[in-house]
Amino acid sequence: MKGTRLQAISMGYKVEIGMSAPQTLRVHSRFRHALNLTAPGVGPLTLLGGESSDFPTGIRLALPDQWDWRREVDDGAPVVARAGLLVAAGWQVDLAGCPTWQPRTLCVPLRIAAVRRLSLLHDGIALRLRLHAMTHGAFGHVQLLPRWPASARAVTLAPGDDPLTLQHEVRDLIGYGAGLTPDGDDYLLGYLAALWPWRGDPVVGAHRFAVARAVERNLGRTTDLSGHFLRLAVQGHFSEPIEGLLRAFAGHVAEVAVRPLADALLRFGATSGADILAGMLHGIRALQRFAGMARMALPPANETGRTRVAHHALWPDVRQLQNTQESS
């Protein structure tokens, strides 16, 4: 029985399952609008609702109103990929004519102008992160900003750390927290992402390489799904909102796009988006240090839990945050 036919809207550029020969996948995990499928020797494939962002190993679908994967399929159920279709009991996905989402390669030099831009963007994004966490209770097991929240674990990754220190820091982070993608993993993913556009800089590249190798050596400490996302991050493959933020960091996207991109990332899961964004902000602070901020007489990285921002047209929430901080 064919059942409900779901039309694919877009497909990530890393989707390879079933492209050359029929293949049987199994349901790994299911949420309302996200379904993770796996097959032996192949990384997970994620089916997403049309309102979701593009992802390298994801397929976005036009889902009917009230569709809920938790009701439509069971864990471990088979899904067959063949001839442009994903077929399961009661539903199938039509991949015919589906466009491929693929961002452009991004690699830029670390210059003073870029560091100035990152300084401004850092505090605006930190504002959004702090407000989101306080409004939605999006607090996990790691600190989202330096020393905030005080009850969570501080992340001590720093540009000057030697490889052995980085190895210990990464080992302690991977798998730390709860869920299919623990907080420490999400934070590391964001950190790796923020450094990616500047990997061509010898110092930044060497540091990122050391962190990436430490991540790869410790993937056995986390879940298979989170390990898949971290492997992609090591190789420079990220979701659409992260890619957009990286292009804004590099000056290839107008600043006006930063807030909606940050908000889109914050909608990932209960705390995953917040943890990833926190890791990206940590990466910006690392880049500021790499650039020798003290010698450039540029605004220093904000090292407090209180968010310091200018009254900028892109961040109209400044007064709301200040009122909240003053009353806390």
C-alpha atoms as a PDB file:
ATOM      1  CA  MET A   1       0.000   0.000   0.000  1.00  0.00           C
ATOM      2  CA  LYS A   2       1.438   3.366  -1.017  1.00  0.00           C
ATOM      3  CA  GLY A   3      -0.230   5.459   1.691  1.00  0.00           C
ATOM      4  CA  THR A   4       0.497   9.169   2.062  1.00  0.00           C
ATOM      5  CA  ARG A   5       2.836  10.595  -0.586  1.00  0.00           C
ATOM      6  CA  LEU A   6       5.174  13.284   0.773  1.00  0.00           C
ATOM      7  CA  GLN A   7       6.935  15.655  -1.619  1.00  0.00           C
ATOM      8  CA  ALA A   8      10.560  16.575  -1.001  1.00  0.00           C
ATOM      9  CA  ILE A   9      11.283  20.320  -1.068  1.00  0.00           C
ATOM     10  CA  SER A  10      15.075  20.251  -0.865  1.00  0.00           C
ATOM     11  CA  MET A  11      17.862  17.778  -0.233  1.00  0.00           C
ATOM     12  CA  GLY A  12      21.208  18.335   1.464  1.00  0.00           C
ATOM     13  CA  TYR A  13      24.330  17.953  -0.655  1.00  0.00           C
ATOM     14  CA  LYS A  14      25.646  15.099   1.522  1.00  0.00           C
ATOM     15  CA  VAL A  15      22.574  12.871   1.078  1.00  0.00           C
ATOM     16  CA  GLU A  16      23.779   9.683  -0.597  1.00  0.00           C
ATOM     17  CA  ILE A  17      21.561   6.908   0.729  1.00  0.00           C
ATOM     18  CA  GLY A  18      19.823   4.926  -1.993  1.00  0.00           C
ATOM     19  CA  MET A  19      21.257   6.999  -4.815  1.00  0.00           C
ATOM     20  CA  SER A  20      23.107   4.181  -6.574  1.00  0.00           C
ATOM     21  CA  ALA A  21      21.250   1.038  -5.469  1.00  0.00           C
ATOM     22  CA  PRO A  22      18.199   0.129  -3.364  1.00  0.00           C
ATOM     23  CA  GLN A  23      18.924   0.256   0.332  1.00  0.00           C
ATOM     24  CA  THR A  24      16.965  -0.487   3.503  1.00  0.00           C
ATOM     25  CA  LEU A  25      17.180   2.044   6.315  1.00  0.00           C
ATOM     26  CA  ARG A  26      15.814   1.797   9.850  1.00  0.00           C
ATOM     27  CA  VAL A  27      14.134   4.419  12.019  1.00  0.00           C
ATOM     28  CA  HIS A  28      16.707   5.579  14.556  1.00  0.00           C
ATOM     29  CA  SER A  29      14.703   8.248  16.397  1.00  0.00           C
ATOM     30  CA  ARG A  30      11.538  10.258  15.777  1.00  0.00           C
ATOM     31  CA  PHE A  31      10.163  13.616  16.799  1.00  0.00           C
ATOM     32  CA  ARG A  32       7.138  15.574  15.689  1.00  0.00           C
ATOM     33  CA  HIS A  33       8.666  17.031  12.524  1.00  0.00           C
ATOM     34  CA  ALA A  34      12.009  15.190  12.359  1.00  0.00           C
ATOM     35  CA  LEU A  35      12.791  11.553  11.600  1.00  0.00           C
ATOM     36  CA  ASN A  36      16.317  10.106  11.756  1.00  0.00           C
ATOM     37  CA  LEU A  37      17.052   7.072   9.566  1.00  0.00           C
ATOM     38  CA  THR A  38      20.196   4.942   9.599  1.00  0.00           C
ATOM     39  CA  ALA A  39      21.730   2.144   7.552  1.00  0.00           C
ATOM     40  CA  PRO A  40      24.840  -0.005   8.165  1.00  0.00           C
ATOM     41  CA  GLY A  41      28.005   1.876   7.320  1.00  0.00           C
ATOM     42  CA  VAL A  42      26.129   5.083   6.439  1.00  0.00           C
ATOM     43  CA  GLY A  43      25.628   8.237   8.504  1.00  0.00           C
ATOM     44  CA  PRO A  44      22.084   9.161   9.551  1.00  0.00           C
ATOM     45  CA  LEU A  45      19.609  10.718   7.134  1.00  0.00           C
ATOM     46  CA  THR A  46      17.145  13.199   8.629  1.00  0.00           C
ATOM     47  CA  LEU A  47      13.665  13.918   7.245  1.00  0.00           C
ATOM     48  CA  LEU A  48      12.545  17.413   8.220  1.00  0.00           C
ATOM     49  CA  GLY A  49       9.425  19.518   7.925  1.00  0.00           C
ATOM     50  CA  GLY A  50       9.293  22.269   5.344  1.00  0.00           C
ATOM     51  CA  GLU A  51       9.594  24.975   8.002  1.00  0.00           C
ATOM     52  CA  SER A  52      12.958  23.555   9.099  1.00  0.00           C
ATOM     53  CA  SER A  53      16.331  24.741   7.837  1.00  0.00           C
ATOM     54  CA  ASP A  54      18.378  22.881   5.243  1.00  0.00           C
ATOM     55  CA  PHE A  55      21.012  20.447   6.496  1.00  0.00           C
ATOM     56  CA  PRO A  56      23.818  18.581   4.665  1.00  0.00           C
ATOM     57  CA  THR A  57      22.347  15.133   5.363  1.00  0.00           C
ATOM     58  CA  GLY A  58      18.703  16.195   5.563  1.00  0.00           C
ATOM     59  CA  ILE A  59      15.671  16.189   3.277  1.00  0.00           C
ATOM     60  CA  ARG A  60      12.980  18.835   3.802  1.00  0.00           C
ATOM     61  CA  LEU A  61       9.423  17.699   3.133  1.00  0.00           C
ATOM     62  CA  ALA A  62       6.037  19.298   2.626  1.00  0.00           C
ATOM     63  CA  LEU A  63       4.250  17.632   5.539  1.00  0.00           C
ATOM     64  CA  PRO A  64       0.452  17.604   5.924  1.00  0.00           C
ATOM     65  CA  ASP A  65      -1.115  19.608   8.741  1.00  0.00           C
ATOM     66  CA  GLN A  66      -0.986  17.771  12.073  1.00  0.00           C
ATOM     67  CA  TRP A  67       1.669  15.358  10.778  1.00  0.00           C
ATOM     68  CA  ASP A  68       3.626  13.810  13.634  1.00  0.00           C
ATOM     69  CA  TRP A  69       6.360  11.243  12.973  1.00  0.00           C
ATOM     70  CA  ARG A  70       5.837   9.845  16.449  1.00  0.00           C
ATOM     71  CA  ARG A  71       2.425   8.597  15.310  1.00  0.00           C
ATOM     72  CA  GLU A  72       3.352   7.647  11.744  1.00  0.00           C
ATOM     73  CA  VAL A  73       6.229   5.226  12.299  1.00  0.00           C
ATOM     74  CA  ASP A  74       7.810   3.064  14.989  1.00  0.00           C
ATOM     75  CA  ASP A  75      11.422   2.942  16.117  1.00  0.00           C
ATOM     76  CA  GLY A  76      13.353   0.383  14.092  1.00  0.00           C
ATOM     77  CA  ALA A  77      10.778   0.301  11.275  1.00  0.00           C
ATOM     78  CA  PRO A  78      12.235  -0.266   7.770  1.00  0.00           C
ATOM     79  CA  VAL A  79      12.311   2.438   5.101  1.00  0.00           C
ATOM     80  CA  VAL A  80      13.435   1.430   1.609  1.00  0.00           C
ATOM     81  CA  ALA A  81      15.338   3.901  -0.590  1.00  0.00           C
ATOM     82  CA  ARG A  82      15.017   3.158  -4.318  1.00  0.00           C
ATOM     83  CA  ALA A  83      14.418   4.875  -7.667  1.00  0.00           C
ATOM     84  CA  GLY A  84      13.871   8.363  -6.289  1.00  0.00           C
ATOM     85  CA  LEU A  85      11.590   7.208  -3.483  1.00  0.00           C
ATOM     86  CA  LEU A  86      11.718   6.492   0.228  1.00  0.00           C
ATOM     87  CA  VAL A  87       9.036   3.885   0.920  1.00  0.00           C
ATOM     88  CA  ALA A  88       7.634   2.795   4.286  1.00  0.00           C
ATOM     89  CA  ALA A  89       4.413   1.253   5.548  1.00  0.00           C
ATOM     90  CA  GLY A  90       1.760   3.940   5.195  1.00  0.00           C
ATOM     91  CA  TRP A  91       3.833   6.672   3.520  1.00  0.00           C
ATOM     92  CA  GLN A  92       6.472   7.394   0.911  1.00  0.00           C
ATOM     93  CA  VAL A  93       8.697  10.327  -0.021  1.00  0.00           C
ATOM     94  CA  ASP A  94       8.947  11.457  -3.642  1.00  0.00           C
ATOM     95  CA  LEU A  95      12.447  12.763  -4.402  1.00  0.00           C
ATOM     96  CA  ALA A  96      11.801  13.413  -8.113  1.00  0.00           C
ATOM     97  CA  GLY A  97      12.972  16.863  -9.165  1.00  0.00           C
ATOM     98  CA  CYS A  98      14.101  17.716  -5.649  1.00  0.00           C
ATOM     99  CA  PRO A  99      16.695  20.547  -5.715  1.00  0.00           C
ATOM    100  CA  THR A 100      19.941  20.136  -3.822  1.00  0.00           C
ATOM    101  CA  TRP A 101      20.898  22.650  -1.153  1.00  0.00           C
ATOM    102  CA  GLN A 102      24.632  23.375  -1.131  1.00  0.00           C
ATOM    103  CA  PRO A 103      26.276  26.453   0.382  1.00  0.00           C
ATOM    104  CA  ARG A 104      29.325  28.050  -1.180  1.00  0.00           C
ATOM    105  CA  THR A 105      32.792  27.276   0.130  1.00  0.00           C
ATOM    106  CA  LEU A 106      33.945  29.903   2.624  1.00  0.00           C
ATOM    107  CA  CYS A 107      37.579  30.652   3.499  1.00  0.00           C
ATOM    108  CA  VAL A 108      38.702  34.199   4.352  1.00  0.00           C
ATOM    109  CA  PRO A 109      41.789  35.878   5.873  1.00  0.00           C
ATOM    110  CA  LEU A 110      41.697  37.118   9.470  1.00  0.00           C
ATOM    111  CA  ARG A 111      42.082  40.891   9.187  1.00  0.00           C
ATOM    112  CA  ILE A 112      41.439  43.854  11.472  1.00  0.00           C
ATOM    113  CA  ALA A 113      38.192  44.746   9.694  1.00  0.00           C
ATOM    114  CA  ALA A 114      36.894  41.215  10.271  1.00  0.00           C
ATOM    115  CA  VAL A 115      37.780  41.342  13.963  1.00  0.00           C
ATOM    116  CA  ARG A 116      35.980  44.671  14.356  1.00  0.00           C
ATOM    117  CA  ARG A 117      32.884  43.201  12.732  1.00  0.00           C
ATOM    118  CA  LEU A 118      33.078  40.104  14.920  1.00  0.00           C
ATOM    119  CA  SER A 119      33.301  42.270  18.048  1.00  0.00           C
ATOM    120  CA  LEU A 120      30.055  44.032  17.169  1.00  0.00           C
ATOM    121  CA  LEU A 121      28.265  40.870  16.130  1.00  0.00           C
ATOM    122  CA  HIS A 122      29.409  38.986  19.238  1.00  0.00           C
ATOM    123  CA  ASP A 123      27.597  41.250  21.671  1.00  0.00           C
ATOM    124  CA  GLY A 124      24.407  41.458  19.623  1.00  0.00           C
ATOM    125  CA  ILE A 125      24.229  37.676  19.280  1.00  0.00           C
ATOM    126  CA  ALA A 126      25.054  37.217  22.967  1.00  0.00           C
ATOM    127  CA  LEU A 127      22.089  39.461  23.721  1.00  0.00           C
ATOM    128  CA  ARG A 128      19.750  37.265  21.693  1.00  0.00           C
ATOM    129  CA  LEU A 129      21.153  34.150  23.345  1.00  0.00           C
ATOM    130  CA  ARG A 130      20.727  35.497  26.861  1.00  0.00           C
ATOM    131  CA  LEU A 131      17.171  36.686  26.231  1.00  0.00           C
ATOM    132  CA  HIS A 132      16.226  33.377  24.597  1.00  0.00           C
ATOM    133  CA  ALA A 133      17.626  31.348  27.480  1.00  0.00           C
ATOM    134  CA  MET A 134      15.834  33.432  30.110  1.00  0.00           C
ATOM    135  CA  THR A 135      12.557  33.483  28.195  1.00  0.00           C
ATOM    136  CA  HIS A 136      12.430  29.808  27.257  1.00  0.00           C
ATOM    137  CA  GLY A 137      14.445  28.253  30.057  1.00  0.00           C
ATOM    138  CA  ALA A 138      16.972  26.978  27.511  1.00  0.00           C
ATOM    139  CA  PHE A 139      19.649  26.130  30.041  1.00  0.00           C
ATOM    140  CA  GLY A 140      21.666  22.960  29.649  1.00  0.00           C
ATOM    141  CA  HIS A 141      24.753  21.688  31.446  1.00  0.00           C
ATOM    142  CA  VAL A 142      27.345  24.111  30.023  1.00  0.00           C
ATOM    143  CA  GLN A 143      27.682  27.859  30.442  1.00  0.00           C
ATOM    144  CA  LEU A 144      26.235  29.831  27.541  1.00  0.00           C
ATOM    145  CA  LEU A 145      28.365  32.919  28.202  1.00  0.00           C
ATOM    146  CA  PRO A 146      31.477  33.367  30.338  1.00  0.00           C
ATOM    147  CA  ARG A 147      30.494  32.659  33.969  1.00  0.00           C
ATOM    148  CA  TRP A 148      26.789  32.503  33.046  1.00  0.00           C
ATOM    149  CA  PRO A 149      24.775  30.751  34.261  1.00  0.00           C
ATOM    150  CA  ALA A 150      26.993  30.212  37.282  1.00  0.00           C
ATOM    151  CA  SER A 151      25.469  26.801  38.034  1.00  0.00           C
ATOM    152  CA  ALA A 152      26.556  25.304  34.695  1.00  0.00           C
ATOM    153  CA  ARG A 153      29.933  23.966  33.634  1.00  0.00           C
ATOM    154  CA  ALA A 154      32.482  26.431  32.266  1.00  0.00           C
ATOM    155  CA  VAL A 155      34.155  25.617  28.951  1.00  0.00           C
ATOM    156  CA  THR A 156      37.868  26.377  29.084  1.00  0.00           C
ATOM    157  CA  LEU A 157      38.986  25.937  25.469  1.00  0.00           C
ATOM    158  CA  ALA A 158      41.535  28.647  24.681  1.00  0.00           C
ATOM    159  CA  PRO A 159      43.789  29.507  21.719  1.00  0.00           C
ATOM    160  CA  GLY A 160      46.960  29.126  23.797  1.00  0.00           C
ATOM    161  CA  ASP A 161      46.180  25.600  24.980  1.00  0.00           C
ATOM    162  CA  ASP A 162      48.687  22.935  23.986  1.00  0.00           C
ATOM    163  CA  PRO A 163      47.430  19.785  22.197  1.00  0.00           C
ATOM    164  CA  LEU A 164      47.436  17.670  25.380  1.00  0.00           C
ATOM    165  CA  THR A 165      45.370  20.247  27.265  1.00  0.00           C
ATOM    166  CA  LEU A 166      42.950  20.503  24.358  1.00  0.00           C
ATOM    167  CA  GLN A 167      42.681  16.720  24.303  1.00  0.00           C
ATOM    168  CA  HIS A 168      41.612  16.654  27.956  1.00  0.00           C
ATOM    169  CA  GLU A 169      39.203  19.570  27.538  1.00  0.00           C
ATOM    170  CA  VAL A 170      37.511  18.015  24.523  1.00  0.00           C
ATOM    171  CA  ARG A 171      37.362  14.579  26.134  1.00  0.00           C
ATOM    172  CA  ASP A 172      35.568  16.031  29.144  1.00  0.00           C
ATOM    173  CA  LEU A 173      33.064  17.875  26.931  1.00  0.00           C
ATOM    174  CA  ILE A 174      32.087  15.123  24.499  1.00  0.00           C
ATOM    175  CA  GLY A 175      29.035  13.285  25.726  1.00  0.00           C
ATOM    176  CA  TYR A 176      28.573  15.761  28.594  1.00  0.00           C
ATOM    177  CA  GLY A 177      24.894  16.488  29.176  1.00  0.00           C
ATOM    178  CA  ALA A 178      21.655  14.749  28.257  1.00  0.00           C
ATOM    179  CA  GLY A 179      19.790  13.806  25.087  1.00  0.00           C
ATOM    180  CA  LEU A 180      20.697  12.532  21.634  1.00  0.00           C
ATOM    181  CA  THR A 181      23.059  15.485  21.161  1.00  0.00           C
ATOM    182  CA  PRO A 182      24.539  16.325  24.590  1.00  0.00           C
ATOM    183  CA  ASP A 183      25.265  19.931  25.542  1.00  0.00           C
ATOM    184  CA  GLY A 184      29.033  19.565  25.362  1.00  0.00           C
ATOM    185  CA  ASP A 185      28.822  18.135  21.837  1.00  0.00           C
ATOM    186  CA  ASP A 186      26.620  20.967  20.608  1.00  0.00           C
ATOM    187  CA  TYR A 187      29.000  23.519  22.126  1.00  0.00           C
ATOM    188  CA  LEU A 188      31.989  21.931  20.396  1.00  0.00           C
ATOM    189  CA  LEU A 189      30.087  21.883  17.098  1.00  0.00           C
ATOM    190  CA  GLY A 190      29.524  25.639  17.398  1.00  0.00           C
ATOM    191  CA  TYR A 191      33.162  26.268  18.298  1.00  0.00           C
ATOM    192  CA  LEU A 192      34.418  24.301  15.302  1.00  0.00           C
ATOM    193  CA  ALA A 193      31.958  26.151  13.072  1.00  0.00           C
ATOM    194  CA  ALA A 194      33.054  29.629  14.159  1.00  0.00           C
ATOM    195  CA  LEU A 195      36.703  28.880  13.340  1.00  0.00           C
ATOM    196  CA  TRP A 196      35.958  27.259   9.971  1.00  0.00           C
ATOM    197  CA  PRO A 197      36.029  30.382   7.704  1.00  0.00           C
ATOM    198  CA  TRP A 198      39.505  31.277   9.053  1.00  0.00           C
ATOM    199  CA  ARG A 199      41.025  27.785   8.822  1.00  0.00           C
ATOM    200  CA  GLY A 200      43.446  29.141   6.203  1.00  0.00           C
ATOM    201  CA  ASP A 201      45.149  31.278   8.840  1.00  0.00           C
ATOM    202  CA  PRO A 202      48.139  29.203  10.055  1.00  0.00           C
ATOM    203  CA  VAL A 203      47.553  29.784  13.774  1.00  0.00           C
ATOM    204  CA  VAL A 204      43.764  29.478  13.676  1.00  0.00           C
ATOM    205  CA  GLY A 205      44.023  26.471  11.392  1.00  0.00           C
ATOM    206  CA  ALA A 206      46.483  24.692  13.683  1.00  0.00           C
ATOM    207  CA  HIS A 207      44.248  25.259  16.706  1.00  0.00           C
ATOM    208  CA  ARG A 208      41.131  24.088  14.896  1.00  0.00           C
ATOM    209  CA  PHE A 209      42.985  21.046  13.616  1.00  0.00           C
ATOM    210  CA  ALA A 210      44.036  20.119  17.158  1.00  0.00           C
ATOM    211  CA  VAL A 211      40.467  20.500  18.451  1.00  0.00           C
ATOM    212  CA  ALA A 212      39.084  18.524  15.510  1.00  0.00           C
ATOM    213  CA  ARG A 213      41.540  15.655  16.031  1.00  0.00           C
ATOM    214  CA  ALA A 214      40.647  15.543  19.720  1.00  0.00           C
ATOM    215  CA  VAL A 215      36.959  15.409  18.786  1.00  0.00           C
ATOM    216  CA  GLU A 216      37.533  12.527  16.383  1.00  0.00           C
ATOM    217  CA  ARG A 217      39.502  10.569  18.994  1.00  0.00           C
ATOM    218  CA  ASN A 218      36.683  10.865  21.539  1.00  0.00           C
ATOM    219  CA  LEU A 219      33.580  10.223  19.432  1.00  0.00           C
ATOM    220  CA  GLY A 220      33.106   6.913  21.197  1.00  0.00           C
ATOM    221  CA  ARG A 221      32.108   8.839  24.314  1.00  0.00           C
ATOM    222  CA  THR A 222      28.896  10.192  22.778  1.00  0.00           C
ATOM    223  CA  THR A 223      25.803   8.997  20.899  1.00  0.00           C
ATOM    224  CA  ASP A 224      25.961   7.782  17.314  1.00  0.00           C
ATOM    225  CA  LEU A 225      23.716  10.621  16.126  1.00  0.00           C
ATOM    226  CA  SER A 226      25.733  13.330  17.854  1.00  0.00           C
ATOM    227  CA  GLY A 227      28.943  11.721  16.626  1.00  0.00           C
ATOM    228  CA  HIS A 228      27.602  12.008  13.066  1.00  0.00           C
ATOM    229  CA  PHE A 229      26.965  15.744  13.483  1.00  0.00           C
ATOM    230  CA  LEU A 230      30.412  16.271  15.010  1.00  0.00           C
ATOM    231  CA  ARG A 231      32.090  14.415  12.127  1.00  0.00           C
ATOM    232  CA  LEU A 232      30.320  16.734   9.715  1.00  0.00           C
ATOM    233  CA  ALA A 233      31.449  19.763  11.744  1.00  0.00           C
ATOM    234  CA  VAL A 234      35.065  18.600  11.705  1.00  0.00           C
ATOM    235  CA  GLN A 235      34.841  18.475   7.894  1.00  0.00           C
ATOM    236  CA  GLY A 236      33.142  21.888   7.654  1.00  0.00           C
ATOM    237  CA  HIS A 237      29.558  20.790   6.959  1.00  0.00           C
ATOM    238  CA  PHE A 238      26.864  22.735   8.821  1.00  0.00           C
ATOM    239  CA  SER A 239      23.155  23.518   8.785  1.00  0.00           C
ATOM    240  CA  GLU A 240      21.733  26.495   6.883  1.00  0.00           C
ATOM    241  CA  PRO A 241      21.505  28.927   9.867  1.00  0.00           C
ATOM    242  CA  ILE A 242      25.086  28.189  10.890  1.00  0.00           C
ATOM    243  CA  GLU A 243      26.282  28.646   7.310  1.00  0.00           C
ATOM    244  CA  GLY A 244      24.426  31.957   7.163  1.00  0.00           C
ATOM    245  CA  LEU A 245      25.972  33.179  10.410  1.00  0.00           C
ATOM    246  CA  LEU A 246      29.442  32.209   9.206  1.00  0.00           C
ATOM    247  CA  ARG A 247      28.926  34.206   6.031  1.00  0.00           C
ATOM    248  CA  ALA A 248      27.826  37.166   8.170  1.00  0.00           C
ATOM    249  CA  PHE A 249      30.931  36.752  10.336  1.00  0.00           C
ATOM    250  CA  ALA A 250      33.022  36.872   7.161  1.00  0.00           C
ATOM    251  CA  GLY A 251      31.194  39.944   5.859  1.00  0.00           C
ATOM    252  CA  HIS A 252      29.485  38.135   2.965  1.00  0.00           C
ATOM    253  CA  VAL A 253      25.960  38.600   4.350  1.00  0.00           C
ATOM    254  CA  ALA A 254      24.361  41.875   5.465  1.00  0.00           C
ATOM    255  CA  GLU A 255      24.244  42.400   9.230  1.00  0.00           C
ATOM    256  CA  VAL A 256      20.477  42.743   9.070  1.00  0.00           C
ATOM    257  CA  ALA A 257      20.298  38.992   8.421  1.00  0.00           C
ATOM    258  CA  VAL A 258      22.170  38.075  11.602  1.00  0.00           C
ATOM    259  CA  ARG A 259      19.258  38.295  14.014  1.00  0.00           C
ATOM    260  CA  PRO A 260      16.865  36.008  12.070  1.00  0.00           C
ATOM    261  CA  LEU A 261      19.702  33.547  11.478  1.00  0.00           C
ATOM    262  CA  ALA A 262      20.524  33.471  15.194  1.00  0.00           C
ATOM    263  CA  ASP A 263      16.838  33.050  16.022  1.00  0.00           C
ATOM    264  CA  ALA A 264      16.539  30.165  13.546  1.00  0.00           C
ATOM    265  CA  LEU A 265      19.476  28.424  15.187  1.00  0.00           C
ATOM    266  CA  LEU A 266      18.026  28.987  18.657  1.00  0.00           C
ATOM    267  CA  ARG A 267      14.916  27.061  17.598  1.00  0.00           C
ATOM    268  CA  PHE A 268      16.960  23.856  17.289  1.00  0.00           C
ATOM    269  CA  GLY A 269      15.720  21.498  19.991  1.00  0.00           C
ATOM    270  CA  ALA A 270      15.220  22.455  23.615  1.00  0.00           C
ATOM    271  CA  THR A 271      18.823  23.550  24.266  1.00  0.00           C
ATOM    272  CA  SER A 272      20.848  22.412  21.219  1.00  0.00           C
ATOM    273  CA  GLY A 273      20.549  25.699  19.339  1.00  0.00           C
ATOM    274  CA  ALA A 274      21.531  27.709  22.406  1.00  0.00           C
ATOM    275  CA  ASP A 275      24.533  25.454  23.075  1.00  0.00           C
ATOM    276  CA  ILE A 276      25.685  25.671  19.435  1.00  0.00           C
ATOM    277  CA  LEU A 277      25.351  29.456  19.422  1.00  0.00           C
ATOM    278  CA  ALA A 278      27.253  29.647  22.719  1.00  0.00           C
ATOM    279  CA  GLY A 279      30.050  27.614  21.137  1.00  0.00           C
ATOM    280  CA  MET A 280      30.106  29.967  18.150  1.00  0.00           C
ATOM    281  CA  LEU A 281      30.437  32.973  20.455  1.00  0.00           C
ATOM    282  CA  HIS A 282      33.301  31.214  22.235  1.00  0.00           C
ATOM    283  CA  GLY A 283      34.887  30.781  18.806  1.00  0.00           C
ATOM    284  CA  ILE A 284      34.550  34.516  18.117  1.00  0.00           C
ATOM    285  CA  ARG A 285      36.288  35.298  21.395  1.00  0.00           C
ATOM    286  CA  ALA A 286      39.069  32.907  20.384  1.00  0.00           C
ATOM    287  CA  LEU A 287      39.424  34.673  17.027  1.00  0.00           C
ATOM    288  CA  GLN A 288      39.676  38.006  18.822  1.00  0.00           C
ATOM    289  CA  ARG A 289      42.576  36.659  20.831  1.00  0.00           C
ATOM    290  CA  PHE A 290      44.214  35.200  17.746  1.00  0.00           C
ATOM    291  CA  ALA A 291      44.093  38.626  16.163  1.00  0.00           C
ATOM    292  CA  GLY A 292      45.895  40.219  19.108  1.00  0.00           C
ATOM    293  CA  MET A 293      42.985  42.386  20.259  1.00  0.00           C
ATOM    294  CA  ALA A 294      44.943  44.164  22.969  1.00  0.00           C
ATOM    295  CA  ARG A 295      47.514  45.463  20.468  1.00  0.00           C
ATOM    296  CA  MET A 296      44.847  46.565  18.000  1.00  0.00           C
ATOM    297  CA  ALA A 297      43.042  48.725  20.579  1.00  0.00           C
ATOM    298  CA  LEU A 298      39.746  47.161  19.558  1.00  0.00           C
ATOM    299  CA  PRO A 299      36.798  46.409  21.858  1.00  0.00           C
ATOM    300  CA  PRO A 300      37.802  43.385  23.974  1.00  0.00           C
ATOM    301  CA  ALA A 301      35.824  40.182  24.072  1.00  0.00           C
ATOM    302  CA  ASN A 302      33.085  40.387  26.693  1.00  0.00           C
ATOM    303  CA  GLU A 303      34.163  38.084  29.503  1.00  0.00           C
ATOM    304  CA  THR A 304      31.180  38.527  31.814  1.00  0.00           C
ATOM    305  CA  GLY A 305      27.766  36.940  31.949  1.00  0.00           C
ATOM    306  CA  ARG A 306      26.203  40.376  31.548  1.00  0.00           C
ATOM    307  CA  THR A 307      25.849  41.206  27.888  1.00  0.00           C
ATOM    308  CA  ARG A 308      27.447  44.505  26.831  1.00  0.00           C
ATOM    309  CA  VAL A 309      25.875  45.907  23.675  1.00  0.00           C
ATOM    310  CA  ALA A 310      25.546  49.249  21.993  1.00  0.00           C
ATOM    311  CA  HIS A 311      22.162  50.748  21.144  1.00  0.00           C
ATOM    312  CA  HIS A 312      22.186  49.284  17.668  1.00  0.00           C
ATOM    313  CA  ALA A 313      19.237  49.274  15.279  1.00  0.00           C
ATOM    314  CA  LEU A 314      19.724  45.544  14.716  1.00  0.00           C
ATOM    315  CA  TRP A 315      19.343  44.736  18.402  1.00  0.00           C
ATOM    316  CA  PRO A 316      16.270  46.617  19.714  1.00  0.00           C
ATOM    317  CA  ASP A 317      16.059  44.287  22.744  1.00  0.00           C
ATOM    318  CA  VAL A 318      18.864  46.164  24.548  1.00  0.00           C
ATOM    319  CA  ARG A 319      16.561  47.946  26.969  1.00  0.00           C
ATOM    320  CA  GLN A 320      14.653  44.742  27.754  1.00  0.00           C
ATOM    321  CA  LEU A 321      17.890  42.963  28.626  1.00  0.00           C
ATOM    322  CA  GLN A 322      19.206  45.864  30.690  1.00  0.00           C
ATOM    323  CA  ASN A 323      15.977  45.974  32.679  1.00  0.00           C
ATOM    324  CA  THR A 324      16.220  42.243  33.269  1.00  0.00           C
ATOM    325  CA  GLN A 325      19.841  42.469  34.404  1.00  0.00           C
ATOM    326  CA  GLU A 326      19.150  45.394  36.716  1.00  0.00           C
ATOM    327  CA  SER A 327      16.345  43.528  38.434  1.00  0.00           C
ATOM    328  CA  SER A 328      18.336  40.276  38.808  1.00  0.00           C
END
